[in-house]
C-alpha atoms as a PDB file:
ATOM      1  CA  THR A   1      -0.051  -0.059  -0.014  1.00  0.00           C
ATOM      2  CA  ALA A   2       3.253   2.362   0.588  1.00  0.00           C
ATOM      3  CA  ARG A   3       4.134   1.721  -2.911  1.00  0.00           C
ATOM      4  CA  ARG A   4       0.700   2.439  -4.317  1.00  0.00           C
ATOM      5  CA  LEU A   5       0.450   5.658  -2.286  1.00  0.00           C
ATOM      6  CA  THR A   6       3.898   6.592  -3.703  1.00  0.00           C
ATOM      7  CA  ASP A   7       2.840   5.823  -7.239  1.00  0.00           C
ATOM      8  CA  VAL A   8      -0.316   7.951  -6.994  1.00  0.00           C
ATOM      9  CA  VAL A   9       1.380  10.798  -5.358  1.00  0.00           C
ATOM     10  CA  ASN A  10       4.011  10.575  -8.474  1.00  0.00           C
ATOM     11  CA  ARG A  11       1.085  11.070 -10.601  1.00  0.00           C
ATOM     12  CA  THR A  12       0.750  14.626  -9.379  1.00  0.00           C
ATOM     13  CA  ALA A  13       3.664  15.624 -11.817  1.00  0.00           C
ATOM     14  CA  ASP A  14       1.463  14.656 -14.507  1.00  0.00           C
ATOM     15  CA  GLY A  15      -1.543  16.919 -13.333  1.00  0.00           C
ATOM     16  CA  ALA A  16      -3.443  14.441 -11.079  1.00  0.00           C
ATOM     17  CA  ILE A  17      -4.759  15.530  -7.725  1.00  0.00           C
ATOM     18  CA  VAL A  18      -4.722  13.593  -4.372  1.00  0.00           C
ATOM     19  CA  VAL A  19      -7.019  14.623  -1.951  1.00  0.00           C
ATOM     20  CA  ASP A  20      -6.756  13.645   1.614  1.00  0.00           C
ATOM     21  CA  THR A  21     -10.256  13.782   3.090  1.00  0.00           C
ATOM     22  CA  ARG A  22      -9.284  13.289   6.766  1.00  0.00           C
ATOM     23  CA  ARG A  23      -9.829  15.987   9.277  1.00  0.00           C
ATOM     24  CA  ALA A  24      -7.456  19.261   9.257  1.00  0.00           C
ATOM     25  CA  ALA A  25      -5.868  18.093  12.627  1.00  0.00           C
ATOM     26  CA  ASP A  26      -4.779  14.813  11.241  1.00  0.00           C
ATOM     27  CA  PHE A  27      -3.599  15.946   8.104  1.00  0.00           C
ATOM     28  CA  ALA A  28      -1.533  18.603   9.887  1.00  0.00           C
ATOM     29  CA  VAL A  29       0.446  16.114  12.200  1.00  0.00           C
ATOM     30  CA  GLY A  30       1.026  13.799   9.010  1.00  0.00           C
ATOM     31  CA  HIS A  31       0.394  13.606   5.436  1.00  0.00           C
ATOM     32  CA  ALA A  32       1.839  12.285   2.287  1.00  0.00           C
ATOM     33  CA  PRO A  33       3.689  15.288   0.520  1.00  0.00           C
ATOM     34  CA  GLY A  34       1.975  16.763  -2.519  1.00  0.00           C
ATOM     35  CA  THR A  35      -1.508  16.008  -1.211  1.00  0.00           C
ATOM     36  CA  ILE A  36      -4.171  18.574  -0.345  1.00  0.00           C
ATOM     37  CA  ASN A  37      -6.537  18.398   2.290  1.00  0.00           C
ATOM     38  CA  ILE A  38     -10.374  18.713   2.050  1.00  0.00           C
ATOM     39  CA  PRO A  39     -12.043  17.156   4.928  1.00  0.00           C
ATOM     40  CA  LEU A  40     -15.080  14.849   4.234  1.00  0.00           C
ATOM     41  CA  ASN A  41     -17.802  16.956   5.899  1.00  0.00           C
ATOM     42  CA  ALA A  42     -20.751  19.404   5.268  1.00  0.00           C
ATOM     43  CA  SER A  43     -18.340  21.839   3.343  1.00  0.00           C
ATOM     44  CA  PHE A  44     -16.602  19.107   1.266  1.00  0.00           C
ATOM     45  CA  THR A  45     -18.397  19.846  -2.182  1.00  0.00           C
ATOM     46  CA  THR A  46     -18.281  23.599  -1.668  1.00  0.00           C
ATOM     47  CA  TRP A  47     -14.407  23.548  -1.320  1.00  0.00           C
ATOM     48  CA  ALA A  48     -13.867  20.902  -3.660  1.00  0.00           C
ATOM     49  CA  GLY A  49     -15.689  22.826  -6.258  1.00  0.00           C
ATOM     50  CA  TRP A  50     -13.701  25.656  -5.657  1.00  0.00           C
ATOM     51  CA  VAL A  51     -10.242  24.201  -5.666  1.00  0.00           C
ATOM     52  CA  LEU A  52     -10.270  21.148  -7.494  1.00  0.00           C
ATOM     53  CA  PRO A  53      -9.759  21.186 -11.315  1.00  0.00           C
ATOM     54  CA  TYR A  54     -12.637  19.721 -13.405  1.00  0.00           C
ATOM     55  CA  THR A  55     -10.043  18.624 -16.205  1.00  0.00           C
ATOM     56  CA  SER A  56      -7.754  16.630 -13.972  1.00  0.00           C
ATOM     57  CA  ASP A  57      -7.840  12.965 -12.463  1.00  0.00           C
ATOM     58  CA  CYS A  58      -8.455  12.876  -8.775  1.00  0.00           C
ATOM     59  CA  TYR A  59      -7.472  10.289  -6.152  1.00  0.00           C
ATOM     60  CA  LEU A  60      -8.891  10.103  -2.891  1.00  0.00           C
ATOM     61  CA  LEU A  61      -7.428   9.065   0.570  1.00  0.00           C
ATOM     62  CA  ILE A  62     -10.198   8.071   2.730  1.00  0.00           C
ATOM     63  CA  ASP A  63     -10.053   6.987   6.402  1.00  0.00           C
ATOM     64  CA  LYS A  64     -13.323   5.113   6.459  1.00  0.00           C
ATOM     65  CA  LYS A  65     -13.867   2.855   3.374  1.00  0.00           C
ATOM     66  CA  ASP A  66     -17.761   3.198   3.610  1.00  0.00           C
ATOM     67  CA  SER A  67     -17.308   6.936   2.928  1.00  0.00           C
ATOM     68  CA  ILE A  68     -15.870   6.482  -0.626  1.00  0.00           C
ATOM     69  CA  ASP A  69     -19.366   6.201  -2.258  1.00  0.00           C
ATOM     70  CA  VAL A  70     -20.498   9.372  -0.461  1.00  0.00           C
ATOM     71  CA  ALA A  71     -17.298  11.379  -1.310  1.00  0.00           C
ATOM     72  CA  VAL A  72     -17.618   9.958  -5.078  1.00  0.00           C
ATOM     73  CA  ARG A  73     -21.187  10.965  -5.238  1.00  0.00           C
ATOM     74  CA  ASP A  74     -20.976  14.279  -4.052  1.00  0.00           C
ATOM     75  CA  LEU A  75     -18.120  15.159  -6.144  1.00  0.00           C
ATOM     76  CA  ALA A  76     -20.027  13.713  -9.182  1.00  0.00           C
ATOM     77  CA  MET A  77     -23.101  16.044  -8.227  1.00  0.00           C
ATOM     78  CA  ILE A  78     -20.887  19.104  -8.737  1.00  0.00           C
ATOM     79  CA  GLY A  79     -19.214  17.845 -11.977  1.00  0.00           C
ATOM     80  CA  LEU A  80     -15.957  16.386 -10.613  1.00  0.00           C
ATOM     81  CA  ASP A  81     -16.363  12.996 -11.963  1.00  0.00           C
ATOM     82  CA  ARG A  82     -12.820  11.977 -12.737  1.00  0.00           C
ATOM     83  CA  VAL A  83     -11.998  10.060  -9.534  1.00  0.00           C
ATOM     84  CA  ALA A  84      -9.483   7.522 -10.661  1.00  0.00           C
ATOM     85  CA  GLY A  85      -9.099   5.628  -7.587  1.00  0.00           C
ATOM     86  CA  TYR A  86      -8.776   5.670  -3.769  1.00  0.00           C
ATOM     87  CA  LEU A  87      -6.746   4.815  -0.743  1.00  0.00           C
ATOM     88  CA  ASP A  88      -7.758   4.245   2.817  1.00  0.00           C
ATOM     89  CA  ALA A  89      -5.744   5.257   6.029  1.00  0.00           C
ATOM     90  CA  ALA A  90      -3.719   1.919   5.948  1.00  0.00           C
ATOM     91  CA  ALA A  91      -1.602   3.566   2.878  1.00  0.00           C
ATOM     92  CA  LEU A  92      -0.383   6.281   5.214  1.00  0.00           C
ATOM     93  CA  ASP A  93       0.275   3.747   7.934  1.00  0.00           C
ATOM     94  CA  ALA A  94       2.370   1.837   5.420  1.00  0.00           C
ATOM     95  CA  TRP A  95       4.024   4.867   4.130  1.00  0.00           C
ATOM     96  CA  GLY A  96       5.468   5.689   7.639  1.00  0.00           C
ATOM     97  CA  ALA A  97       6.377   2.356   8.378  1.00  0.00           C
ATOM     98  CA  SER A  98       8.392   2.296   5.044  1.00  0.00           C
ATOM     99  CA  GLY A  99      10.502   5.218   6.221  1.00  0.00           C
ATOM    100  CA  ARG A 100       9.104   7.714   3.845  1.00  0.00           C
ATOM    101  CA  PRO A 101       8.679  11.267   5.286  1.00  0.00           C
ATOM    102  CA  PHE A 102       5.523  12.893   6.333  1.00  0.00           C
ATOM    103  CA  GLY A 103       4.512  16.544   5.719  1.00  0.00           C
ATOM    104  CA  THR A 104       3.239  18.292   8.295  1.00  0.00           C
ATOM    105  CA  ILE A 105       1.208  21.905   8.692  1.00  0.00           C
ATOM    106  CA  PRO A 106       2.605  23.674  11.821  1.00  0.00           C
ATOM    107  CA  GLN A 107       0.203  25.737  13.904  1.00  0.00           C
ATOM    108  CA  ILE A 108       0.468  28.935  15.485  1.00  0.00           C
ATOM    109  CA  GLN A 109      -1.312  30.695  18.480  1.00  0.00           C
ATOM    110  CA  PRO A 110      -2.551  33.819  18.480  1.00  0.00           C
ATOM    111  CA  ALA A 111      -0.239  35.661  20.884  1.00  0.00           C
ATOM    112  CA  ASP A 112       2.686  34.101  19.066  1.00  0.00           C
ATOM    113  CA  LEU A 113       1.307  35.344  15.633  1.00  0.00           C
ATOM    114  CA  ALA A 114       1.069  38.869  17.105  1.00  0.00           C
ATOM    115  CA  GLU A 115       4.634  38.770  18.395  1.00  0.00           C
ATOM    116  CA  SER A 116       5.616  37.682  14.720  1.00  0.00           C
ATOM    117  CA  LEU A 117       3.703  40.277  13.047  1.00  0.00           C
ATOM    118  CA  ARG A 118       5.304  43.063  15.263  1.00  0.00           C
ATOM    119  CA  HIS A 119       8.749  41.864  14.189  1.00  0.00           C
ATOM    120  CA  GLY A 120       7.687  41.442  10.491  1.00  0.00           C
ATOM    121  CA  GLY A 121       8.707  37.841  10.615  1.00  0.00           C
ATOM    122  CA  VAL A 122       5.725  36.368   8.735  1.00  0.00           C
ATOM    123  CA  THR A 123       3.180  37.042   5.931  1.00  0.00           C
ATOM    124  CA  LEU A 124      -0.482  36.732   7.106  1.00  0.00           C
ATOM    125  CA  VAL A 125      -3.327  35.898   4.570  1.00  0.00           C
ATOM    126  CA  ASP A 126      -6.630  36.141   5.648  1.00  0.00           C
ATOM    127  CA  VAL A 127      -8.694  33.745   3.327  1.00  0.00           C
ATOM    128  CA  ARG A 128     -12.214  34.572   4.576  1.00  0.00           C
ATOM    129  CA  ASN A 129     -14.597  36.059   2.408  1.00  0.00           C
ATOM    130  CA  ALA A 130     -15.271  39.939   1.776  1.00  0.00           C
ATOM    131  CA  THR A 131     -18.104  40.499   4.008  1.00  0.00           C
ATOM    132  CA  GLU A 132     -16.189  38.734   7.034  1.00  0.00           C
ATOM    133  CA  TRP A 133     -12.861  40.634   5.850  1.00  0.00           C
ATOM    134  CA  GLN A 134     -14.880  44.008   5.918  1.00  0.00           C
ATOM    135  CA  SER A 135     -16.496  43.316   9.353  1.00  0.00           C
ATOM    136  CA  GLY A 136     -12.991  43.188  10.948  1.00  0.00           C
ATOM    137  CA  HIS A 137      -9.392  41.689  10.286  1.00  0.00           C
ATOM    138  CA  ILE A 138      -5.913  41.463  11.666  1.00  0.00           C
ATOM    139  CA  ASP A 139      -3.906  44.666  10.833  1.00  0.00           C
ATOM    140  CA  GLY A 140      -1.259  43.879   8.313  1.00  0.00           C
ATOM    141  CA  ALA A 141      -3.106  40.990   6.677  1.00  0.00           C
ATOM    142  CA  ARG A 142      -3.277  40.365   3.067  1.00  0.00           C
ATOM    143  CA  HIS A 143      -6.992  39.208   2.086  1.00  0.00           C
ATOM    144  CA  VAL A 144      -7.138  36.282  -0.340  1.00  0.00           C
ATOM    145  CA  PRO A 145     -10.509  34.389  -0.303  1.00  0.00           C
ATOM    146  CA  LEU A 146      -9.692  30.772  -0.303  1.00  0.00           C
ATOM    147  CA  GLY A 147     -11.621  30.090  -3.532  1.00  0.00           C
ATOM    148  CA  TYR A 148      -9.234  32.280  -5.269  1.00  0.00           C
ATOM    149  CA  LEU A 149      -6.100  31.390  -3.513  1.00  0.00           C
ATOM    150  CA  THR A 150      -4.633  29.135  -6.310  1.00  0.00           C
ATOM    151  CA  ASP A 151      -5.473  31.823  -9.020  1.00  0.00           C
ATOM    152  CA  ARG A 152      -3.680  34.665  -6.793  1.00  0.00           C
ATOM    153  CA  ILE A 153      -0.689  32.153  -5.590  1.00  0.00           C
ATOM    154  CA  GLY A 154       1.892  34.214  -7.622  1.00  0.00           C
ATOM    155  CA  GLU A 155       1.087  37.296  -5.165  1.00  0.00           C
ATOM    156  CA  LEU A 156       2.383  35.419  -2.041  1.00  0.00           C
ATOM    157  CA  PRO A 157       6.168  35.601  -1.344  1.00  0.00           C
ATOM    158  CA  LYS A 158       8.222  32.391  -0.872  1.00  0.00           C
ATOM    159  CA  ASP A 159      10.864  33.963   0.977  1.00  0.00           C
ATOM    160  CA  THR A 160       8.907  34.321   4.452  1.00  0.00           C
ATOM    161  CA  ALA A 161       6.653  32.196   6.489  1.00  0.00           C
ATOM    162  CA  ILE A 162       3.062  32.478   5.422  1.00  0.00           C
ATOM    163  CA  VAL A 163       0.409  32.120   7.967  1.00  0.00           C
ATOM    164  CA  LEU A 164      -3.221  31.443   6.899  1.00  0.00           C
ATOM    165  CA  GLN A 165      -5.956  32.495   8.815  1.00  0.00           C
ATOM    166  CA  CYS A 166      -9.859  32.296   8.445  1.00  0.00           C
ATOM    167  CA  GLN A 167     -12.704  32.659  10.924  1.00  0.00           C
ATOM    168  CA  SER A 168     -12.187  29.422  12.992  1.00  0.00           C
ATOM    169  CA  GLY A 169      -8.995  27.596  11.379  1.00  0.00           C
ATOM    170  CA  ALA A 170     -10.830  25.136   9.091  1.00  0.00           C
ATOM    171  CA  ARG A 171     -10.620  27.154   5.749  1.00  0.00           C
ATOM    172  CA  SER A 172      -7.291  28.105   6.339  1.00  0.00           C
ATOM    173  CA  ALA A 173      -6.165  24.556   6.947  1.00  0.00           C
ATOM    174  CA  ILE A 174      -7.259  23.850   3.458  1.00  0.00           C
ATOM    175  CA  GLY A 175      -5.498  26.915   2.053  1.00  0.00           C
ATOM    176  CA  ALA A 176      -2.367  25.707   3.709  1.00  0.00           C
ATOM    177  CA  SER A 177      -2.492  22.384   2.237  1.00  0.00           C
ATOM    178  CA  LEU A 178      -2.912  23.939  -1.284  1.00  0.00           C
ATOM    179  CA  LEU A 179       0.094  25.993  -0.588  1.00  0.00           C
ATOM    180  CA  ARG A 180       2.220  23.428   0.536  1.00  0.00           C
ATOM    181  CA  GLN A 181       1.259  21.096  -2.712  1.00  0.00           C
ATOM    182  CA  ARG A 182       2.297  24.319  -4.746  1.00  0.00           C
ATOM    183  CA  GLY A 183       5.866  24.304  -3.194  1.00  0.00           C
ATOM    184  CA  PHE A 184       5.755  26.683  -0.413  1.00  0.00           C
ATOM    185  CA  ASP A 185       7.625  25.016   2.393  1.00  0.00           C
ATOM    186  CA  ARG A 186       6.908  27.616   5.314  1.00  0.00           C
ATOM    187  CA  VAL A 187       3.221  27.442   5.789  1.00  0.00           C
ATOM    188  CA  ILE A 188       1.567  27.957   9.130  1.00  0.00           C
ATOM    189  CA  ASN A 189      -2.053  27.844  10.288  1.00  0.00           C
ATOM    190  CA  LEU A 190      -3.515  30.127  12.907  1.00  0.00           C
ATOM    191  CA  THR A 191      -5.247  27.763  15.403  1.00  0.00           C
ATOM    192  CA  GLY A 192      -8.823  28.910  16.042  1.00  0.00           C
ATOM    193  CA  GLY A 193      -8.675  31.543  13.480  1.00  0.00           C
ATOM    194  CA  ILE A 194      -9.579  35.239  14.021  1.00  0.00           C
ATOM    195  CA  SER A 195     -12.356  34.194  16.650  1.00  0.00           C
ATOM    196  CA  ALA A 196      -9.260  32.828  18.791  1.00  0.00           C
ATOM    197  CA  TRP A 197      -7.423  36.051  18.046  1.00  0.00           C
ATOM    198  CA  ILE A 198     -10.375  38.141  19.299  1.00  0.00           C
ATOM    199  CA  LYS A 199     -11.136  35.831  22.316  1.00  0.00           C
ATOM    200  CA  ASP A 200      -7.448  36.517  23.378  1.00  0.00           C
ATOM    201  CA  GLY A 201      -8.219  40.242  23.456  1.00  0.00           C
ATOM    202  CA  LEU A 202      -6.040  41.023  20.470  1.00  0.00           C
ATOM    203  CA  PRO A 203      -7.195  44.153  18.084  1.00  0.00           C
ATOM    204  CA  THR A 204      -8.927  43.885  14.785  1.00  0.00           C
ATOM    205  CA  VAL A 205      -9.108  46.887  12.085  1.00  0.00           C
ATOM    206  CA  THR A 206     -11.940  47.568   9.766  1.00  0.00           C
ATOM    207  CA  SER A 207     -11.916  48.883   6.075  1.00  0.00           C
END
């Protein structure tokens, strides 16, 4: 199964996409490099429709085999009908057991992000929608809604760490996986999103 996962990941060089449908927290602590994370939950089809190409083969990594029919059906309902195969979580276990390295998405707490922003050590990208952004955002953040992240990826620097942030940390986790898949090595997710930032008493601005 490790070899099969390796073969599937290698196909990304030819334009195939490997979607890891596990929870964002599980993806963050260990995933096959080159895969992207869209958790199989109520928002699965929304974000799959935004970020997956309709002209490429798609492989799914599913942690529960009985979920594969649900995922394939949901994708087909929005026109993503090029699911070429799937793997279960055992493939990841075999990947690790064979000594292959896992990718990770580091997490950052609001207080640590505030300190990094004060020193100019990171680029903060807010992936929420326009209404959320206008209601209040972190000073110095760049606004790139998640659905447009891949289209605007050329605007983002590769020479500094990038922190992704949304309302609660879910959408930004997807965004972080997209950037890692596109070759950004220093990508971090804000734990709890701007909600946690506000809860900690940190300031926001409006525009």
